Amino acid sequence: MTETLAIWVIYNSPIDLPGRFVARKWLLNQPTPELLQAQTLEEIRSKLPLGLVRMPRDERDDPKIVESWF
């Protein structure tokens, strides 16, 4: 059985949660209802599951995206 790749995308002040850092879980290219929120980038990073690898923001990403973890 294969596992679906989970990616946590961190946003800075998304429209639905302004003033917060939000990590949303995606499975491949499908969003899930799972999210984490915090006041700071360091705090949101500390809430992510252990063992993830950081992927820097791509210049083509939405400006609210800070980084992604998989």
PDB file of N, CA and C in Angstrom:
ATOM      1  N   MET A   1       0.850  -1.180   0.000  1.00  0.00           N
ATOM      2  CA  MET A   1       0.000   0.000   0.000  1.00  0.00           C
ATOM      3  C   MET A   1       0.896   1.244   0.000  1.00  0.00           C
ATOM      4  N   THR A   2       0.523   2.246  -0.780  1.00  0.00           N
ATOM      5  CA  THR A   2       1.294   3.478  -0.855  1.00  0.00           C
ATOM      6  C   THR A   2       0.643   4.553   0.008  1.00  0.00           C
ATOM      7  N   GLU A   3       1.484   5.420   0.566  1.00  0.00           N
ATOM      8  CA  GLU A   3       0.992   6.546   1.350  1.00  0.00           C
ATOM      9  C   GLU A   3       0.900   7.773   0.464  1.00  0.00           C
ATOM     10  N   THR A   4      -0.075   8.612   0.740  1.00  0.00           N
ATOM     11  CA  THR A   4      -0.204   9.869   0.022  1.00  0.00           C
ATOM     12  C   THR A   4       0.714  10.898   0.675  1.00  0.00           C
ATOM     13  N   LEU A   5       1.426  11.644  -0.141  1.00  0.00           N
ATOM     14  CA  LEU A   5       2.348  12.657   0.366  1.00  0.00           C
ATOM     15  C   LEU A   5       1.580  13.786   1.052  1.00  0.00           C
ATOM     16  N   ALA A   6       1.899  14.012   2.312  1.00  0.00           N
ATOM     17  CA  ALA A   6       1.299  15.116   3.069  1.00  0.00           C
ATOM     18  C   ALA A   6       2.272  16.289   3.062  1.00  0.00           C
ATOM     19  N   ILE A   7       1.756  17.470   2.783  1.00  0.00           N
ATOM     20  CA  ILE A   7       2.547  18.695   2.784  1.00  0.00           C
ATOM     21  C   ILE A   7       1.845  19.707   3.686  1.00  0.00           C
ATOM     22  N   TRP A   8       2.601  20.304   4.603  1.00  0.00           N
ATOM     23  CA  TRP A   8       2.086  21.373   5.452  1.00  0.00           C
ATOM     24  C   TRP A   8       2.575  22.693   4.873  1.00  0.00           C
ATOM     25  N   VAL A   9       1.655  23.562   4.506  1.00  0.00           N
ATOM     26  CA  VAL A   9       1.991  24.866   3.928  1.00  0.00           C
ATOM     27  C   VAL A   9       1.735  25.929   4.996  1.00  0.00           C
ATOM     28  N   ILE A  10       2.768  26.736   5.266  1.00  0.00           N
ATOM     29  CA  ILE A  10       2.640  27.806   6.261  1.00  0.00           C
ATOM     30  C   ILE A  10       2.333  29.119   5.549  1.00  0.00           C
ATOM     31  N   TYR A  11       1.279  29.776   6.019  1.00  0.00           N
ATOM     32  CA  TYR A  11       0.828  31.057   5.480  1.00  0.00           C
ATOM     33  C   TYR A  11       0.990  32.140   6.542  1.00  0.00           C
ATOM     34  N   ASN A  12       1.294  33.344   6.108  1.00  0.00           N
ATOM     35  CA  ASN A  12       1.354  34.502   6.991  1.00  0.00           C
ATOM     36  C   ASN A  12       0.126  35.356   6.729  1.00  0.00           C
ATOM     37  N   SER A  13      -0.756  35.414   7.723  1.00  0.00           N
ATOM     38  CA  SER A  13      -1.947  36.251   7.684  1.00  0.00           C
ATOM     39  C   SER A  13      -2.867  35.945   6.490  1.00  0.00           C
ATOM     40  N   PRO A  14      -3.344  34.691   6.391  1.00  0.00           N
ATOM     41  CA  PRO A  14      -4.281  34.395   5.304  1.00  0.00           C
ATOM     42  C   PRO A  14      -5.600  35.156   5.484  1.00  0.00           C
ATOM     43  N   ILE A  15      -6.349  35.272   4.424  1.00  0.00           N
ATOM     44  CA  ILE A  15      -7.596  36.058   4.442  1.00  0.00           C
ATOM     45  C   ILE A  15      -8.551  35.598   5.539  1.00  0.00           C
ATOM     46  N   ASP A  16      -8.654  34.280   5.750  1.00  0.00           N
ATOM     47  CA  ASP A  16      -9.610  33.776   6.734  1.00  0.00           C
ATOM     48  C   ASP A  16      -9.108  33.851   8.183  1.00  0.00           C
ATOM     49  N   LEU A  17      -7.801  34.066   8.395  1.00  0.00           N
ATOM     50  CA  LEU A  17      -7.241  34.197   9.742  1.00  0.00           C
ATOM     51  C   LEU A  17      -6.178  35.300   9.754  1.00  0.00           C
ATOM     52  N   PRO A  18      -6.578  36.536   9.530  1.00  0.00           N
ATOM     53  CA  PRO A  18      -5.605  37.633   9.466  1.00  0.00           C
ATOM     54  C   PRO A  18      -4.846  37.797  10.775  1.00  0.00           C
ATOM     55  N   GLY A  19      -3.571  38.168  10.651  1.00  0.00           N
ATOM     56  CA  GLY A  19      -2.746  38.401  11.816  1.00  0.00           C
ATOM     57  C   GLY A  19      -2.190  37.145  12.463  1.00  0.00           C
ATOM     58  N   ARG A  20      -2.384  35.996  11.834  1.00  0.00           N
ATOM     59  CA  ARG A  20      -1.930  34.722  12.384  1.00  0.00           C
ATOM     60  C   ARG A  20      -1.036  34.013  11.375  1.00  0.00           C
ATOM     61  N   PHE A  21      -0.171  33.136  11.881  1.00  0.00           N
ATOM     62  CA  PHE A  21       0.521  32.182  11.029  1.00  0.00           C
ATOM     63  C   PHE A  21      -0.325  30.916  11.041  1.00  0.00           C
ATOM     64  N   VAL A  22      -0.555  30.357   9.874  1.00  0.00           N
ATOM     65  CA  VAL A  22      -1.415  29.186   9.736  1.00  0.00           C
ATOM     66  C   VAL A  22      -0.683  28.124   8.931  1.00  0.00           C
ATOM     67  N   ALA A  23      -0.719  26.893   9.416  1.00  0.00           N
ATOM     68  CA  ALA A  23      -0.185  25.746   8.669  1.00  0.00           C
ATOM     69  C   ALA A  23      -1.377  24.894   8.241  1.00  0.00           C
ATOM     70  N   ARG A  24      -1.524  24.708   6.953  1.00  0.00           N
ATOM     71  CA  ARG A  24      -2.618  23.897   6.412  1.00  0.00           C
ATOM     72  C   ARG A  24      -2.042  22.620   5.822  1.00  0.00           C
ATOM     73  N   LYS A  25      -2.700  21.510   6.122  1.00  0.00           N
ATOM     74  CA  LYS A  25      -2.252  20.214   5.606  1.00  0.00           C
ATOM     75  C   LYS A  25      -2.893  19.948   4.248  1.00  0.00           C
ATOM     76  N   TRP A  26      -2.042  19.581   3.291  1.00  0.00           N
ATOM     77  CA  TRP A  26      -2.478  19.191   1.954  1.00  0.00           C
ATOM     78  C   TRP A  26      -2.068  17.742   1.714  1.00  0.00           C
ATOM     79  N   LEU A  27      -2.880  17.001   1.000  1.00  0.00           N
ATOM     80  CA  LEU A  27      -2.520  15.670   0.524  1.00  0.00           C
ATOM     81  C   LEU A  27      -2.385  15.777  -0.981  1.00  0.00           C
ATOM     82  N   LEU A  28      -1.145  15.704  -1.440  1.00  0.00           N
ATOM     83  CA  LEU A  28      -0.804  16.005  -2.830  1.00  0.00           C
ATOM     84  C   LEU A  28      -1.312  17.404  -3.145  1.00  0.00           C
ATOM     85  N   ASN A  29      -2.274  17.535  -4.044  1.00  0.00           N
ATOM     86  CA  ASN A  29      -2.765  18.882  -4.391  1.00  0.00           C
ATOM     87  C   ASN A  29      -4.169  19.144  -3.846  1.00  0.00           C
ATOM     88  N   GLN A  30      -4.568  18.377  -2.820  1.00  0.00           N
ATOM     89  CA  GLN A  30      -5.905  18.534  -2.243  1.00  0.00           C
ATOM     90  C   GLN A  30      -5.807  19.050  -0.808  1.00  0.00           C
ATOM     91  N   PRO A  31      -6.438  20.178  -0.504  1.00  0.00           N
ATOM     92  CA  PRO A  31      -6.414  20.661   0.874  1.00  0.00           C
ATOM     93  C   PRO A  31      -7.230  19.743   1.787  1.00  0.00           C
ATOM     94  N   THR A  32      -6.862  19.695   3.044  1.00  0.00           N
ATOM     95  CA  THR A  32      -7.633  18.958   4.044  1.00  0.00           C
ATOM     96  C   THR A  32      -8.174  19.976   5.046  1.00  0.00           C
ATOM     97  N   PRO A  33      -9.082  19.567   5.908  1.00  0.00           N
ATOM     98  CA  PRO A  33      -9.587  20.510   6.916  1.00  0.00           C
ATOM     99  C   PRO A  33      -8.602  20.749   8.064  1.00  0.00           C
ATOM    100  N   GLU A  34      -7.491  20.003   8.104  1.00  0.00           N
ATOM    101  CA  GLU A  34      -6.528  20.151   9.199  1.00  0.00           C
ATOM    102  C   GLU A  34      -5.740  21.451   9.080  1.00  0.00           C
ATOM    103  N   LEU A  35      -5.665  22.178  10.195  1.00  0.00           N
ATOM    104  CA  LEU A  35      -4.829  23.378  10.230  1.00  0.00           C
ATOM    105  C   LEU A  35      -4.350  23.637  11.642  1.00  0.00           C
ATOM    106  N   LEU A  36      -3.245  24.325  11.716  1.00  0.00           N
ATOM    107  CA  LEU A  36      -2.660  24.774  12.974  1.00  0.00           C
ATOM    108  C   LEU A  36      -2.539  26.283  12.874  1.00  0.00           C
ATOM    109  N   GLN A  37      -2.583  26.976  14.006  1.00  0.00           N
ATOM    110  CA  GLN A  37      -2.398  28.422  13.965  1.00  0.00           C
ATOM    111  C   GLN A  37      -1.597  28.890  15.166  1.00  0.00           C
ATOM    112  N   ALA A  38      -0.900  30.020  14.980  1.00  0.00           N
ATOM    113  CA  ALA A  38      -0.041  30.566  16.025  1.00  0.00           C
ATOM    114  C   ALA A  38       0.199  32.050  15.767  1.00  0.00           C
ATOM    115  N   GLN A  39       0.799  32.708  16.754  1.00  0.00           N
ATOM    116  CA  GLN A  39       1.113  34.130  16.640  1.00  0.00           C
ATOM    117  C   GLN A  39       2.420  34.389  15.898  1.00  0.00           C
ATOM    118  N   THR A  40       3.374  33.432  15.966  1.00  0.00           N
ATOM    119  CA  THR A  40       4.688  33.645  15.359  1.00  0.00           C
ATOM    120  C   THR A  40       5.067  32.475  14.459  1.00  0.00           C
ATOM    121  N   LEU A  41       6.023  32.726  13.583  1.00  0.00           N
ATOM    122  CA  LEU A  41       6.517  31.678  12.695  1.00  0.00           C
ATOM    123  C   LEU A  41       7.179  30.567  13.516  1.00  0.00           C
ATOM    124  N   GLU A  42       7.977  30.923  14.505  1.00  0.00           N
ATOM    125  CA  GLU A  42       8.643  29.924  15.340  1.00  0.00           C
ATOM    126  C   GLU A  42       7.625  29.036  16.056  1.00  0.00           C
ATOM    127  N   GLU A  43       6.549  29.640  16.535  1.00  0.00           N
ATOM    128  CA  GLU A  43       5.516  28.883  17.243  1.00  0.00           C
ATOM    129  C   GLU A  43       4.804  27.908  16.299  1.00  0.00           C
ATOM    130  N   ILE A  44       4.482  28.361  15.098  1.00  0.00           N
ATOM    131  CA  ILE A  44       3.788  27.463  14.167  1.00  0.00           C
ATOM    132  C   ILE A  44       4.711  26.319  13.746  1.00  0.00           C
ATOM    133  N   ARG A  45       5.996  26.605  13.559  1.00  0.00           N
ATOM    134  CA  ARG A  45       6.948  25.536  13.222  1.00  0.00           C
ATOM    135  C   ARG A  45       7.006  24.493  14.329  1.00  0.00           C
ATOM    136  N   SER A  46       6.936  24.937  15.584  1.00  0.00           N
ATOM    137  CA  SER A  46       7.023  24.002  16.709  1.00  0.00           C
ATOM    138  C   SER A  46       5.802  23.097  16.811  1.00  0.00           C
ATOM    139  N   LYS A  47       4.712  23.466  16.174  1.00  0.00           N
ATOM    140  CA  LYS A  47       3.485  22.671  16.213  1.00  0.00           C
ATOM    141  C   LYS A  47       3.412  21.629  15.088  1.00  0.00           C
ATOM    142  N   LEU A  48       4.298  21.718  14.116  1.00  0.00           N
ATOM    143  CA  LEU A  48       4.282  20.767  13.007  1.00  0.00           C
ATOM    144  C   LEU A  48       4.709  19.385  13.486  1.00  0.00           C
ATOM    145  N   PRO A  49       4.251  18.325  12.809  1.00  0.00           N
ATOM    146  CA  PRO A  49       4.701  16.982  13.172  1.00  0.00           C
ATOM    147  C   PRO A  49       6.227  16.871  13.059  1.00  0.00           C
ATOM    148  N   LEU A  50       6.811  16.070  13.920  1.00  0.00           N
ATOM    149  CA  LEU A  50       8.264  15.870  13.910  1.00  0.00           C
ATOM    150  C   LEU A  50       8.703  15.116  12.659  1.00  0.00           C
ATOM    151  N   GLY A  51       9.939  15.365  12.236  1.00  0.00           N
ATOM    152  CA  GLY A  51      10.523  14.615  11.133  1.00  0.00           C
ATOM    153  C   GLY A  51      10.286  15.187   9.749  1.00  0.00           C
ATOM    154  N   LEU A  52       9.671  16.357   9.659  1.00  0.00           N
ATOM    155  CA  LEU A  52       9.407  16.962   8.353  1.00  0.00           C
ATOM    156  C   LEU A  52      10.639  17.697   7.833  1.00  0.00           C
ATOM    157  N   VAL A  53      10.665  17.903   6.527  1.00  0.00           N
ATOM    158  CA  VAL A  53      11.757  18.614   5.864  1.00  0.00           C
ATOM    159  C   VAL A  53      11.193  19.910   5.277  1.00  0.00           C
ATOM    160  N   ARG A  54      11.910  21.016   5.493  1.00  0.00           N
ATOM    161  CA  ARG A  54      11.468  22.338   5.024  1.00  0.00           C
ATOM    162  C   ARG A  54      11.772  22.529   3.545  1.00  0.00           C
ATOM    163  N   MET A  55      10.805  23.080   2.835  1.00  0.00           N
ATOM    164  CA  MET A  55      10.969  23.456   1.439  1.00  0.00           C
ATOM    165  C   MET A  55      10.735  24.972   1.370  1.00  0.00           C
ATOM    166  N   PRO A  56      11.745  25.750   0.958  1.00  0.00           N
ATOM    167  CA  PRO A  56      11.566  27.207   0.907  1.00  0.00           C
ATOM    168  C   PRO A  56      10.459  27.621  -0.062  1.00  0.00           C
ATOM    169  N   ARG A  57       9.987  28.804   0.132  1.00  0.00           N
ATOM    170  CA  ARG A  57       8.957  29.390  -0.732  1.00  0.00           C
ATOM    171  C   ARG A  57       9.516  29.586  -2.133  1.00  0.00           C
ATOM    172  N   ASP A  58       8.718  29.255  -3.121  1.00  0.00           N
ATOM    173  CA  ASP A  58       9.074  29.488  -4.518  1.00  0.00           C
ATOM    174  C   ASP A  58       8.559  30.870  -4.907  1.00  0.00           C
ATOM    175  N   GLU A  59       9.286  31.563  -5.747  1.00  0.00           N
ATOM    176  CA  GLU A  59       8.875  32.925  -6.144  1.00  0.00           C
ATOM    177  C   GLU A  59       7.515  32.948  -6.827  1.00  0.00           C
ATOM    178  N   ARG A  60       7.058  31.817  -7.339  1.00  0.00           N
ATOM    179  CA  ARG A  60       5.744  31.741  -8.000  1.00  0.00           C
ATOM    180  C   ARG A  60       4.609  31.458  -7.026  1.00  0.00           C
ATOM    181  N   ASP A  61       4.944  31.170  -5.760  1.00  0.00           N
ATOM    182  CA  ASP A  61       3.910  30.895  -4.756  1.00  0.00           C
ATOM    183  C   ASP A  61       3.110  32.151  -4.440  1.00  0.00           C
ATOM    184  N   ASP A  62       1.932  31.934  -3.910  1.00  0.00           N
ATOM    185  CA  ASP A  62       1.119  33.033  -3.395  1.00  0.00           C
ATOM    186  C   ASP A  62       1.967  33.817  -2.384  1.00  0.00           C
ATOM    187  N   PRO A  63       1.892  35.136  -2.392  1.00  0.00           N
ATOM    188  CA  PRO A  63       2.711  35.939  -1.471  1.00  0.00           C
ATOM    189  C   PRO A  63       2.487  35.626   0.014  1.00  0.00           C
ATOM    190  N   LYS A  64       1.354  35.072   0.377  1.00  0.00           N
ATOM    191  CA  LYS A  64       1.069  34.747   1.771  1.00  0.00           C
ATOM    192  C   LYS A  64       1.750  33.456   2.222  1.00  0.00           C
ATOM    193  N   ILE A  65       2.248  32.650   1.282  1.00  0.00           N
ATOM    194  CA  ILE A  65       2.953  31.418   1.635  1.00  0.00           C
ATOM    195  C   ILE A  65       4.354  31.753   2.103  1.00  0.00           C
ATOM    196  N   VAL A  66       4.725  31.237   3.284  1.00  0.00           N
ATOM    197  CA  VAL A  66       6.044  31.455   3.866  1.00  0.00           C
ATOM    198  C   VAL A  66       6.987  30.315   3.457  1.00  0.00           C
ATOM    199  N   GLU A  67       6.509  29.081   3.626  1.00  0.00           N
ATOM    200  CA  GLU A  67       7.301  27.892   3.343  1.00  0.00           C
ATOM    201  C   GLU A  67       6.397  26.677   3.408  1.00  0.00           C
ATOM    202  N   SER A  68       6.935  25.538   3.003  1.00  0.00           N
ATOM    203  CA  SER A  68       6.199  24.274   3.067  1.00  0.00           C
ATOM    204  C   SER A  68       7.067  23.211   3.722  1.00  0.00           C
ATOM    205  N   TRP A  69       6.420  22.222   4.313  1.00  0.00           N
ATOM    206  CA  TRP A  69       7.116  21.121   4.994  1.00  0.00           C
ATOM    207  C   TRP A  69       6.513  19.814   4.519  1.00  0.00           C
ATOM    208  N   PHE A  70       7.372  18.832   4.244  1.00  0.00           N
ATOM    209  CA  PHE A  70       6.869  17.515   3.840  1.00  0.00           C
ATOM    210  C   PHE A  70       7.658  16.419   4.503  1.00  0.00           C
TER     211      PHE A  70
END
